[in-house]
PDB file of N, CA and C in Angstrom:
ATOM      1  N   UNK A   1      35.557  83.228 -31.566  1.00  0.00           N
ATOM      2  CA  UNK A   1      35.644  82.056 -30.354  1.00  0.00           C
ATOM      3  C   UNK A   1      35.658  82.747 -28.957  1.00  0.00           C
ATOM      4  N   UNK A   2      34.915  82.379 -27.921  1.00  0.00           N
ATOM      5  CA  UNK A   2      34.908  82.732 -26.547  1.00  0.00           C
ATOM      6  C   UNK A   2      35.980  81.617 -26.062  1.00  0.00           C
ATOM      7  N   UNK A   3      37.015  82.299 -25.210  1.00  0.00           N
ATOM      8  CA  UNK A   3      37.787  81.861 -24.311  1.00  0.00           C
ATOM      9  C   UNK A   3      37.183  81.352 -23.134  1.00  0.00           C
ATOM     10  N   UNK A   4      37.461  80.092 -22.703  1.00  0.00           N
ATOM     11  CA  UNK A   4      36.820  79.648 -21.367  1.00  0.00           C
ATOM     12  C   UNK A   4      38.182  80.203 -19.955  1.00  0.00           C
ATOM     13  N   UNK A   5      37.641  81.358 -19.162  1.00  0.00           N
ATOM     14  CA  UNK A   5      38.573  81.835 -18.426  1.00  0.00           C
ATOM     15  C   UNK A   5      38.294  81.103 -17.058  1.00  0.00           C
ATOM     16  N   UNK A   6      37.223  80.376 -16.720  1.00  0.00           N
ATOM     17  CA  UNK A   6      36.996  79.967 -15.634  1.00  0.00           C
ATOM     18  C   UNK A   6      36.121  78.733 -15.733  1.00  0.00           C
ATOM     19  N   UNK A   7      36.396  77.703 -14.715  1.00  0.00           N
ATOM     20  CA  UNK A   7      35.782  76.352 -14.661  1.00  0.00           C
ATOM     21  C   UNK A   7      35.288  76.132 -13.096  1.00  0.00           C
ATOM     22  N   UNK A   8      34.348  75.416 -12.969  1.00  0.00           N
ATOM     23  CA  UNK A   8      33.828  75.249 -11.534  1.00  0.00           C
ATOM     24  C   UNK A   8      34.958  74.003 -11.200  1.00  0.00           C
ATOM     25  N   UNK A   9      35.585  74.529 -10.388  1.00  0.00           N
ATOM     26  CA  UNK A   9      36.619  73.418  -9.634  1.00  0.00           C
ATOM     27  C   UNK A   9      36.019  72.946  -8.251  1.00  0.00           C
ATOM     28  N   UNK A  10      36.338  71.678  -8.083  1.00  0.00           N
ATOM     29  CA  UNK A  10      35.624  71.364  -6.647  1.00  0.00           C
ATOM     30  C   UNK A  10      36.875  71.062  -5.713  1.00  0.00           C
ATOM     31  N   UNK A  11      36.323  71.520  -4.487  1.00  0.00           N
ATOM     32  CA  UNK A  11      37.178  71.638  -3.569  1.00  0.00           C
ATOM     33  C   UNK A  11      37.537  70.286  -2.997  1.00  0.00           C
ATOM     34  N   UNK A  12      39.039  70.146  -2.656  1.00  0.00           N
ATOM     35  CA  UNK A  12      39.621  68.770  -2.364  1.00  0.00           C
ATOM     36  C   UNK A  12      39.058  68.106  -1.235  1.00  0.00           C
ATOM     37  N   UNK A  13      38.347  68.825  -0.324  1.00  0.00           N
ATOM     38  CA  UNK A  13      37.927  68.420   0.710  1.00  0.00           C
ATOM     39  C   UNK A  13      36.267  67.607   0.467  1.00  0.00           C
ATOM     40  N   UNK A  14      35.743  68.416  -0.447  1.00  0.00           N
ATOM     41  CA  UNK A  14      34.543  67.611  -1.179  1.00  0.00           C
ATOM     42  C   UNK A  14      34.824  66.443  -1.850  1.00  0.00           C
ATOM     43  N   UNK A  15      35.840  66.613  -2.533  1.00  0.00           N
ATOM     44  CA  UNK A  15      36.440  65.433  -3.353  1.00  0.00           C
ATOM     45  C   UNK A  15      36.659  64.094  -2.609  1.00  0.00           C
ATOM     46  N   UNK A  16      37.625  64.682  -1.473  1.00  0.00           N
ATOM     47  CA  UNK A  16      37.578  63.338  -0.657  1.00  0.00           C
ATOM     48  C   UNK A  16      36.599  63.037   0.158  1.00  0.00           C
ATOM     49  N   UNK A  17      35.476  63.592   0.539  1.00  0.00           N
ATOM     50  CA  UNK A  17      34.343  63.144   1.103  1.00  0.00           C
ATOM     51  C   UNK A  17      33.530  62.501   0.487  1.00  0.00           C
ATOM     52  N   UNK A  18      33.556  62.667  -0.767  1.00  0.00           N
ATOM     53  CA  UNK A  18      32.845  61.796  -2.021  1.00  0.00           C
ATOM     54  C   UNK A  18      33.498  60.459  -2.044  1.00  0.00           C
ATOM     55  N   UNK A  19      34.780  60.677  -2.120  1.00  0.00           N
ATOM     56  CA  UNK A  19      35.508  59.351  -2.325  1.00  0.00           C
ATOM     57  C   UNK A  19      35.180  58.406  -1.327  1.00  0.00           C
ATOM     58  N   UNK A  20      35.334  58.740  -0.086  1.00  0.00           N
ATOM     59  CA  UNK A  20      35.294  57.967   1.302  1.00  0.00           C
ATOM     60  C   UNK A  20      34.087  57.426   1.324  1.00  0.00           C
ATOM     61  N   UNK A  21      32.818  57.948   0.577  1.00  0.00           N
ATOM     62  CA  UNK A  21      31.496  57.177   0.700  1.00  0.00           C
ATOM     63  C   UNK A  21      31.575  56.206  -0.227  1.00  0.00           C
ATOM     64  N   UNK A  22      32.369  55.914  -1.009  1.00  0.00           N
ATOM     65  CA  UNK A  22      32.492  54.837  -2.249  1.00  0.00           C
ATOM     66  C   UNK A  22      32.943  53.508  -1.551  1.00  0.00           C
ATOM     67  N   UNK A  23      31.962  52.576  -1.064  1.00  0.00           N
ATOM     68  CA  UNK A  23      32.135  51.227  -0.493  1.00  0.00           C
ATOM     69  C   UNK A  23      33.457  50.421  -1.216  1.00  0.00           C
ATOM     70  N   UNK A  24      33.444  50.458  -2.553  1.00  0.00           N
ATOM     71  CA  UNK A  24      34.623  49.729  -3.092  1.00  0.00           C
ATOM     72  C   UNK A  24      35.778  50.266  -3.210  1.00  0.00           C
ATOM     73  N   UNK A  25      35.872  51.562  -3.348  1.00  0.00           N
ATOM     74  CA  UNK A  25      37.260  52.356  -2.876  1.00  0.00           C
ATOM     75  C   UNK A  25      37.640  52.216  -1.417  1.00  0.00           C
ATOM     76  N   UNK A  26      36.765  52.234  -0.541  1.00  0.00           N
ATOM     77  CA  UNK A  26      37.153  52.038   0.634  1.00  0.00           C
ATOM     78  C   UNK A  26      37.709  50.642   1.053  1.00  0.00           C
ATOM     79  N   UNK A  27      37.029  49.575   0.481  1.00  0.00           N
ATOM     80  CA  UNK A  27      37.260  48.386   0.760  1.00  0.00           C
ATOM     81  C   UNK A  27      38.789  48.065  -0.228  1.00  0.00           C
ATOM     82  N   UNK A  28      39.107  48.713  -1.091  1.00  0.00           N
ATOM     83  CA  UNK A  28      40.213  48.214  -1.789  1.00  0.00           C
ATOM     84  C   UNK A  28      41.334  49.062  -1.080  1.00  0.00           C
ATOM     85  N   UNK A  29      40.893  50.263  -0.308  1.00  0.00           N
ATOM     86  CA  UNK A  29      42.067  50.995   0.377  1.00  0.00           C
ATOM     87  C   UNK A  29      42.390  49.940   1.725  1.00  0.00           C
ATOM     88  N   UNK A  30      41.382  49.473   2.072  1.00  0.00           N
ATOM     89  CA  UNK A  30      41.434  48.579   3.614  1.00  0.00           C
ATOM     90  C   UNK A  30      42.608  47.441   3.299  1.00  0.00           C
ATOM     91  N   UNK A  31      42.144  46.754   1.983  1.00  0.00           N
ATOM     92  CA  UNK A  31      43.019  45.654   1.641  1.00  0.00           C
ATOM     93  C   UNK A  31      44.349  45.965   1.206  1.00  0.00           C
ATOM     94  N   UNK A  32      44.454  47.213   0.547  1.00  0.00           N
ATOM     95  CA  UNK A  32      45.736  47.425   0.136  1.00  0.00           C
ATOM     96  C   UNK A  32      46.721  47.638   1.454  1.00  0.00           C
ATOM     97  N   UNK A  33      46.041  48.085   2.565  1.00  0.00           N
ATOM     98  CA  UNK A  33      46.717  48.460   3.719  1.00  0.00           C
ATOM     99  C   UNK A  33      47.067  47.078   4.545  1.00  0.00           C
ATOM    100  N   UNK A  34      46.210  45.962   4.226  1.00  0.00           N
ATOM    101  CA  UNK A  34      46.394  44.779   4.866  1.00  0.00           C
ATOM    102  C   UNK A  34      47.632  43.998   4.108  1.00  0.00           C
ATOM    103  N   UNK A  35      47.882  44.339   2.806  1.00  0.00           N
ATOM    104  CA  UNK A  35      48.814  43.646   2.149  1.00  0.00           C
ATOM    105  C   UNK A  35      50.270  44.286   2.448  1.00  0.00           C
ATOM    106  N   UNK A  36      50.337  45.384   2.783  1.00  0.00           N
ATOM    107  CA  UNK A  36      51.660  46.220   3.170  1.00  0.00           C
ATOM    108  C   UNK A  36      52.193  45.341   4.544  1.00  0.00           C
ATOM    109  N   UNK A  37      51.533  44.486   5.240  1.00  0.00           N
ATOM    110  CA  UNK A  37      51.785  43.684   6.240  1.00  0.00           C
ATOM    111  C   UNK A  37      52.264  42.459   5.920  1.00  0.00           C
ATOM    112  N   UNK A  38      52.132  42.135   4.628  1.00  0.00           N
ATOM    113  CA  UNK A  38      52.354  40.693   4.246  1.00  0.00           C
ATOM    114  C   UNK A  38      53.905  40.146   4.631  1.00  0.00           C
ATOM    115  N   UNK A  39      54.769  41.250   4.451  1.00  0.00           N
ATOM    116  CA  UNK A  39      56.363  41.207   4.595  1.00  0.00           C
ATOM    117  C   UNK A  39      56.620  40.616   6.075  1.00  0.00           C
ATOM    118  N   UNK A  40      55.862  41.265   7.081  1.00  0.00           N
ATOM    119  CA  UNK A  40      55.865  40.940   8.488  1.00  0.00           C
ATOM    120  C   UNK A  40      55.584  39.480   8.744  1.00  0.00           C
ATOM    121  N   UNK A  41      54.219  39.095   8.101  1.00  0.00           N
ATOM    122  CA  UNK A  41      53.393  37.912   8.576  1.00  0.00           C
ATOM    123  C   UNK A  41      54.454  36.870   7.812  1.00  0.00           C
ATOM    124  N   UNK A  42      54.845  36.836   6.705  1.00  0.00           N
ATOM    125  CA  UNK A  42      55.568  35.958   5.835  1.00  0.00           C
ATOM    126  C   UNK A  42      57.004  35.688   6.448  1.00  0.00           C
ATOM    127  N   UNK A  43      57.541  36.892   6.509  1.00  0.00           N
ATOM    128  CA  UNK A  43      59.165  36.690   7.112  1.00  0.00           C
ATOM    129  C   UNK A  43      59.623  37.343   5.759  1.00  0.00           C
ATOM    130  N   UNK A  44      60.784  38.019   5.832  1.00  0.00           N
ATOM    131  CA  UNK A  44      61.901  38.563   4.747  1.00  0.00           C
ATOM    132  C   UNK A  44      61.997  37.654   3.452  1.00  0.00           C
ATOM    133  N   UNK A  45      62.435  36.386   3.780  1.00  0.00           N
ATOM    134  CA  UNK A  45      62.604  35.310   3.017  1.00  0.00           C
ATOM    135  C   UNK A  45      61.473  34.984   1.953  1.00  0.00           C
ATOM    136  N   UNK A  46      60.456  34.683   2.588  1.00  0.00           N
ATOM    137  CA  UNK A  46      58.985  34.377   1.646  1.00  0.00           C
ATOM    138  C   UNK A  46      58.661  35.827   1.273  1.00  0.00           C
ATOM    139  N   UNK A  47      58.400  36.879   1.511  1.00  0.00           N
ATOM    140  CA  UNK A  47      57.840  38.184   1.041  1.00  0.00           C
ATOM    141  C   UNK A  47      58.790  38.694  -0.222  1.00  0.00           C
ATOM    142  N   UNK A  48      60.079  38.395  -0.377  1.00  0.00           N
ATOM    143  CA  UNK A  48      60.630  38.751  -1.597  1.00  0.00           C
ATOM    144  C   UNK A  48      60.366  37.452  -2.648  1.00  0.00           C
ATOM    145  N   UNK A  49      59.492  36.359  -2.332  1.00  0.00           N
ATOM    146  CA  UNK A  49      59.382  35.574  -3.487  1.00  0.00           C
ATOM    147  C   UNK A  49      57.725  35.153  -3.418  1.00  0.00           C
ATOM    148  N   UNK A  50      56.960  36.204  -2.905  1.00  0.00           N
ATOM    149  CA  UNK A  50      55.304  35.983  -2.442  1.00  0.00           C
ATOM    150  C   UNK A  50      54.927  37.223  -2.529  1.00  0.00           C
ATOM    151  N   UNK A  51      53.873  37.533  -2.847  1.00  0.00           N
ATOM    152  CA  UNK A  51      52.906  38.676  -2.592  1.00  0.00           C
ATOM    153  C   UNK A  51      51.647  38.801  -2.691  1.00  0.00           C
ATOM    154  N   UNK A  52      50.867  39.448  -1.963  1.00  0.00           N
ATOM    155  CA  UNK A  52      49.425  39.306  -1.806  1.00  0.00           C
ATOM    156  C   UNK A  52      48.816  39.630  -3.167  1.00  0.00           C
ATOM    157  N   UNK A  53      47.858  39.088  -3.860  1.00  0.00           N
ATOM    158  CA  UNK A  53      47.192  39.238  -5.166  1.00  0.00           C
ATOM    159  C   UNK A  53      45.866  39.807  -5.252  1.00  0.00           C
ATOM    160  N   UNK A  54      44.879  39.184  -4.374  1.00  0.00           N
ATOM    161  CA  UNK A  54      43.549  39.765  -4.206  1.00  0.00           C
ATOM    162  C   UNK A  54      42.807  38.883  -2.902  1.00  0.00           C
ATOM    163  N   UNK A  55      41.623  39.329  -2.940  1.00  0.00           N
ATOM    164  CA  UNK A  55      40.749  38.589  -1.940  1.00  0.00           C
ATOM    165  C   UNK A  55      39.630  37.955  -2.474  1.00  0.00           C
ATOM    166  N   UNK A  56      39.204  36.759  -2.258  1.00  0.00           N
ATOM    167  CA  UNK A  56      38.079  36.187  -2.734  1.00  0.00           C
ATOM    168  C   UNK A  56      37.065  36.247  -1.549  1.00  0.00           C
ATOM    169  N   UNK A  57      35.865  35.817  -2.277  1.00  0.00           N
ATOM    170  CA  UNK A  57      34.536  35.645  -1.353  1.00  0.00           C
ATOM    171  C   UNK A  57      35.040  34.611  -0.448  1.00  0.00           C
ATOM    172  N   UNK A  58      34.662  34.871   0.742  1.00  0.00           N
ATOM    173  CA  UNK A  58      34.836  33.780   1.661  1.00  0.00           C
ATOM    174  C   UNK A  58      35.990  34.427   2.734  1.00  0.00           C
ATOM    175  N   UNK A  59      36.504  35.416   2.567  1.00  0.00           N
ATOM    176  CA  UNK A  59      37.591  35.914   3.204  1.00  0.00           C
ATOM    177  C   UNK A  59      38.807  35.241   2.798  1.00  0.00           C
ATOM    178  N   UNK A  60      39.101  34.558   1.653  1.00  0.00           N
ATOM    179  CA  UNK A  60      40.313  34.199   1.120  1.00  0.00           C
ATOM    180  C   UNK A  60      41.330  34.833   0.589  1.00  0.00           C
ATOM    181  N   UNK A  61      42.519  35.242   1.135  1.00  0.00           N
ATOM    182  CA  UNK A  61      43.638  36.045   0.499  1.00  0.00           C
ATOM    183  C   UNK A  61      44.241  35.110  -0.483  1.00  0.00           C
ATOM    184  N   UNK A  62      44.454  35.496  -1.822  1.00  0.00           N
ATOM    185  CA  UNK A  62      45.230  34.794  -2.555  1.00  0.00           C
ATOM    186  C   UNK A  62      46.642  35.356  -2.537  1.00  0.00           C
ATOM    187  N   UNK A  63      47.713  34.657  -2.707  1.00  0.00           N
ATOM    188  CA  UNK A  63      49.195  34.871  -2.574  1.00  0.00           C
ATOM    189  C   UNK A  63      49.663  34.556  -3.829  1.00  0.00           C
ATOM    190  N   UNK A  64      50.295  35.323  -4.509  1.00  0.00           N
ATOM    191  CA  UNK A  64      50.927  35.203  -5.959  1.00  0.00           C
ATOM    192  C   UNK A  64      52.452  34.514  -5.735  1.00  0.00           C
ATOM    193  N   UNK A  65      52.977  33.417  -5.775  1.00  0.00           N
ATOM    194  CA  UNK A  65      54.340  32.864  -5.449  1.00  0.00           C
ATOM    195  C   UNK A  65      55.299  32.674  -6.714  1.00  0.00           C
ATOM    196  N   UNK A  66      56.377  33.046  -6.610  1.00  0.00           N
ATOM    197  CA  UNK A  66      57.228  32.633  -7.585  1.00  0.00           C
ATOM    198  C   UNK A  66      57.263  31.516  -8.145  1.00  0.00           C
ATOM    199  N   UNK A  67      57.521  30.374  -7.291  1.00  0.00           N
ATOM    200  CA  UNK A  67      57.590  29.065  -7.507  1.00  0.00           C
ATOM    201  C   UNK A  67      56.594  28.248  -6.758  1.00  0.00           C
ATOM    202  N   UNK A  68      56.427  26.779  -7.131  1.00  0.00           N
ATOM    203  CA  UNK A  68      55.937  26.101  -6.320  1.00  0.00           C
ATOM    204  C   UNK A  68      56.322  25.504  -5.347  1.00  0.00           C
ATOM    205  N   UNK A  69      57.548  25.617  -5.080  1.00  0.00           N
ATOM    206  CA  UNK A  69      58.487  25.426  -3.826  1.00  0.00           C
ATOM    207  C   UNK A  69      57.890  26.392  -2.808  1.00  0.00           C
ATOM    208  N   UNK A  70      57.788  27.819  -3.290  1.00  0.00           N
ATOM    209  CA  UNK A  70      57.471  28.810  -2.115  1.00  0.00           C
ATOM    210  C   UNK A  70      56.115  28.751  -1.747  1.00  0.00           C
ATOM    211  N   UNK A  71      55.355  28.205  -2.630  1.00  0.00           N
ATOM    212  CA  UNK A  71      53.808  27.791  -2.476  1.00  0.00           C
ATOM    213  C   UNK A  71      53.918  26.611  -1.291  1.00  0.00           C
ATOM    214  N   UNK A  72      54.664  25.552  -1.824  1.00  0.00           N
ATOM    215  CA  UNK A  72      54.281  24.642  -0.752  1.00  0.00           C
ATOM    216  C   UNK A  72      54.878  24.946   0.698  1.00  0.00           C
ATOM    217  N   UNK A  73      56.100  25.675   0.741  1.00  0.00           N
ATOM    218  CA  UNK A  73      56.648  26.103   1.979  1.00  0.00           C
ATOM    219  C   UNK A  73      55.528  26.950   2.633  1.00  0.00           C
ATOM    220  N   UNK A  74      55.043  28.063   2.249  1.00  0.00           N
ATOM    221  CA  UNK A  74      54.113  28.912   2.771  1.00  0.00           C
ATOM    222  C   UNK A  74      52.734  27.946   3.115  1.00  0.00           C
ATOM    223  N   UNK A  75      52.267  27.131   2.178  1.00  0.00           N
ATOM    224  CA  UNK A  75      51.027  26.189   2.775  1.00  0.00           C
ATOM    225  C   UNK A  75      51.373  25.433   4.139  1.00  0.00           C
ATOM    226  N   UNK A  76      52.765  25.107   4.292  1.00  0.00           N
ATOM    227  CA  UNK A  76      52.840  24.119   5.426  1.00  0.00           C
ATOM    228  C   UNK A  76      53.143  25.421   6.619  1.00  0.00           C
ATOM    229  N   UNK A  77      53.244  26.548   6.502  1.00  0.00           N
ATOM    230  CA  UNK A  77      53.215  27.612   7.576  1.00  0.00           C
ATOM    231  C   UNK A  77      52.161  28.384   7.278  1.00  0.00           C
ATOM    232  N   UNK A  78      51.014  27.964   6.815  1.00  0.00           N
ATOM    233  CA  UNK A  78      49.799  28.742   6.527  1.00  0.00           C
ATOM    234  C   UNK A  78      49.196  29.427   8.107  1.00  0.00           C
ATOM    235  N   UNK A  79      49.145  28.419   9.010  1.00  0.00           N
ATOM    236  CA  UNK A  79      48.499  28.592  10.513  1.00  0.00           C
ATOM    237  C   UNK A  79      49.295  29.902  11.253  1.00  0.00           C
ATOM    238  N   UNK A  80      50.753  29.628  11.036  1.00  0.00           N
ATOM    239  CA  UNK A  80      51.275  30.575  11.731  1.00  0.00           C
ATOM    240  C   UNK A  80      51.378  31.990  10.917  1.00  0.00           C
ATOM    241  N   UNK A  81      51.036  32.100   9.707  1.00  0.00           N
ATOM    242  CA  UNK A  81      51.127  33.220   9.030  1.00  0.00           C
ATOM    243  C   UNK A  81      49.486  34.061   9.373  1.00  0.00           C
ATOM    244  N   UNK A  82      48.601  32.943   9.112  1.00  0.00           N
ATOM    245  CA  UNK A  82      47.293  33.450   9.880  1.00  0.00           C
ATOM    246  C   UNK A  82      47.225  34.216  11.035  1.00  0.00           C
ATOM    247  N   UNK A  83      48.259  33.441  12.076  1.00  0.00           N
ATOM    248  CA  UNK A  83      48.313  34.187  13.359  1.00  0.00           C
ATOM    249  C   UNK A  83      49.040  35.550  13.456  1.00  0.00           C
ATOM    250  N   UNK A  84      49.960  35.620  12.557  1.00  0.00           N
ATOM    251  CA  UNK A  84      50.814  36.779  12.630  1.00  0.00           C
ATOM    252  C   UNK A  84      49.968  37.977  11.939  1.00  0.00           C
ATOM    253  N   UNK A  85      49.181  37.566  10.961  1.00  0.00           N
ATOM    254  CA  UNK A  85      48.352  38.556  10.358  1.00  0.00           C
ATOM    255  C   UNK A  85      47.221  39.121  11.080  1.00  0.00           C
ATOM    256  N   UNK A  86      46.737  37.976  12.085  1.00  0.00           N
ATOM    257  CA  UNK A  86      45.421  38.479  12.830  1.00  0.00           C
ATOM    258  C   UNK A  86      45.630  40.074  13.467  1.00  0.00           C
ATOM    259  N   UNK A  87      46.550  40.412  14.236  1.00  0.00           N
ATOM    260  CA  UNK A  87      46.628  41.723  14.907  1.00  0.00           C
ATOM    261  C   UNK A  87      45.999  42.902  13.814  1.00  0.00           C
ATOM    262  N   UNK A  88      46.559  42.470  12.649  1.00  0.00           N
ATOM    263  CA  UNK A  88      46.726  43.759  11.433  1.00  0.00           C
ATOM    264  C   UNK A  88      44.980  43.506  11.036  1.00  0.00           C
ATOM    265  N   UNK A  89      44.633  42.053  10.805  1.00  0.00           N
ATOM    266  CA  UNK A  89      43.207  41.994  10.313  1.00  0.00           C
ATOM    267  C   UNK A  89      42.061  42.640  11.179  1.00  0.00           C
ATOM    268  N   UNK A  90      42.306  42.405  12.449  1.00  0.00           N
ATOM    269  CA  UNK A  90      41.626  43.012  13.663  1.00  0.00           C
ATOM    270  C   UNK A  90      41.670  44.609  13.600  1.00  0.00           C
ATOM    271  N   UNK A  91      42.505  45.063  13.291  1.00  0.00           N
ATOM    272  CA  UNK A  91      42.541  46.526  13.689  1.00  0.00           C
ATOM    273  C   UNK A  91      41.958  47.351  12.332  1.00  0.00           C
ATOM    274  N   UNK A  92      42.270  46.617  11.127  1.00  0.00           N
ATOM    275  CA  UNK A  92      41.777  47.012   9.823  1.00  0.00           C
ATOM    276  C   UNK A  92      40.134  46.793   9.789  1.00  0.00           C
ATOM    277  N   UNK A  93      39.834  45.596  10.639  1.00  0.00           N
ATOM    278  CA  UNK A  93      38.524  45.014  10.505  1.00  0.00           C
ATOM    279  C   UNK A  93      38.114  44.579   9.239  1.00  0.00           C
ATOM    280  N   UNK A  94      39.048  43.437   8.756  1.00  0.00           N
ATOM    281  CA  UNK A  94      38.912  42.783   7.662  1.00  0.00           C
ATOM    282  C   UNK A  94      38.918  41.173   7.918  1.00  0.00           C
ATOM    283  N   UNK A  95      38.420  40.557   7.505  1.00  0.00           N
ATOM    284  CA  UNK A  95      38.624  38.867   8.028  1.00  0.00           C
ATOM    285  C   UNK A  95      39.386  38.314   6.972  1.00  0.00           C
ATOM    286  N   UNK A  96      40.233  37.639   7.294  1.00  0.00           N
ATOM    287  CA  UNK A  96      41.190  36.618   6.399  1.00  0.00           C
ATOM    288  C   UNK A  96      40.749  35.210   7.323  1.00  0.00           C
ATOM    289  N   UNK A  97      40.256  34.286   6.555  1.00  0.00           N
ATOM    290  CA  UNK A  97      39.935  32.908   6.907  1.00  0.00           C
ATOM    291  C   UNK A  97      40.964  32.084   6.483  1.00  0.00           C
ATOM    292  N   UNK A  98      41.499  32.198   5.482  1.00  0.00           N
ATOM    293  CA  UNK A  98      42.148  31.311   4.705  1.00  0.00           C
ATOM    294  C   UNK A  98      42.977  32.096   3.631  1.00  0.00           C
ATOM    295  N   UNK A  99      44.247  31.307   3.237  1.00  0.00           N
ATOM    296  CA  UNK A  99      45.230  31.746   2.275  1.00  0.00           C
ATOM    297  C   UNK A  99      45.197  30.560   1.233  1.00  0.00           C
ATOM    298  N   UNK A 100      45.336  31.319   0.303  1.00  0.00           N
ATOM    299  CA  UNK A 100      45.309  30.491  -1.099  1.00  0.00           C
ATOM    300  C   UNK A 100      46.680  30.816  -1.904  1.00  0.00           C
ATOM    301  N   UNK A 101      47.506  29.966  -2.335  1.00  0.00           N
ATOM    302  CA  UNK A 101      48.909  30.061  -2.910  1.00  0.00           C
ATOM    303  C   UNK A 101      48.882  29.832  -4.428  1.00  0.00           C
ATOM    304  N   UNK A 102      48.990  30.791  -5.297  1.00  0.00           N
ATOM    305  CA  UNK A 102      48.887  30.340  -6.879  1.00  0.00           C
ATOM    306  C   UNK A 102      50.203  30.983  -7.126  1.00  0.00           C
ATOM    307  N   UNK A 103      50.698  30.087  -8.283  1.00  0.00           N
ATOM    308  CA  UNK A 103      51.994  30.369  -8.746  1.00  0.00           C
ATOM    309  C   UNK A 103      51.672  31.027 -10.290  1.00  0.00           C
ATOM    310  N   UNK A 104      50.709  30.486 -10.646  1.00  0.00           N
ATOM    311  CA  UNK A 104      50.192  31.552 -11.912  1.00  0.00           C
ATOM    312  C   UNK A 104      49.847  32.899 -11.906  1.00  0.00           C
ATOM    313  N   UNK A 105      49.776  33.464 -10.705  1.00  0.00           N
ATOM    314  CA  UNK A 105      49.334  34.785 -10.453  1.00  0.00           C
ATOM    315  C   UNK A 105      50.559  35.738 -10.540  1.00  0.00           C
ATOM    316  N   UNK A 106      51.779  34.950 -10.058  1.00  0.00           N
ATOM    317  CA  UNK A 106      53.145  35.936 -10.161  1.00  0.00           C
ATOM    318  C   UNK A 106      53.506  36.469 -11.564  1.00  0.00           C
ATOM    319  N   UNK A 107      54.021  37.955 -11.344  1.00  0.00           N
ATOM    320  CA  UNK A 107      54.431  38.492 -12.369  1.00  0.00           C
ATOM    321  C   UNK A 107      55.507  39.105 -11.892  1.00  0.00           C
ATOM    322  N   UNK A 108      56.516  39.043 -12.568  1.00  0.00           N
ATOM    323  CA  UNK A 108      57.919  39.642 -12.435  1.00  0.00           C
ATOM    324  C   UNK A 108      57.825  41.279 -12.393  1.00  0.00           C
ATOM    325  N   UNK A 109      58.190  42.220 -11.552  1.00  0.00           N
ATOM    326  CA  UNK A 109      57.972  43.574 -11.738  1.00  0.00           C
ATOM    327  C   UNK A 109      59.435  43.777 -12.726  1.00  0.00           C
ATOM    328  N   UNK A 110      59.137  44.793 -13.294  1.00  0.00           N
ATOM    329  CA  UNK A 110      59.907  45.345 -14.325  1.00  0.00           C
ATOM    330  C   UNK A 110      60.843  46.388 -13.441  1.00  0.00           C
TER     331      UNK A 110
END
């Protein structure tokens, strides 16, 4: 049996160039970068009890909330949160028109 001593390895620059062309991957990275600013937009207290979950069609960001009380408080502060997110959404060139708060999406981290 013949041993394989060599395989065609792909250069990391070529691999990264290929990955950057993938629109879905690029969109996911942009959304993930936006999610990092949730703590700033929501505030320390609410960031511990809520986290960005996903984006829906129509530029709606879904926020997972620990409880219905947190969801209600965030709902009342929605316009302020959107205003605080605006500089980050503009710099990332992503649109967030609305926020949806969902208690069912919350998962405690292990």
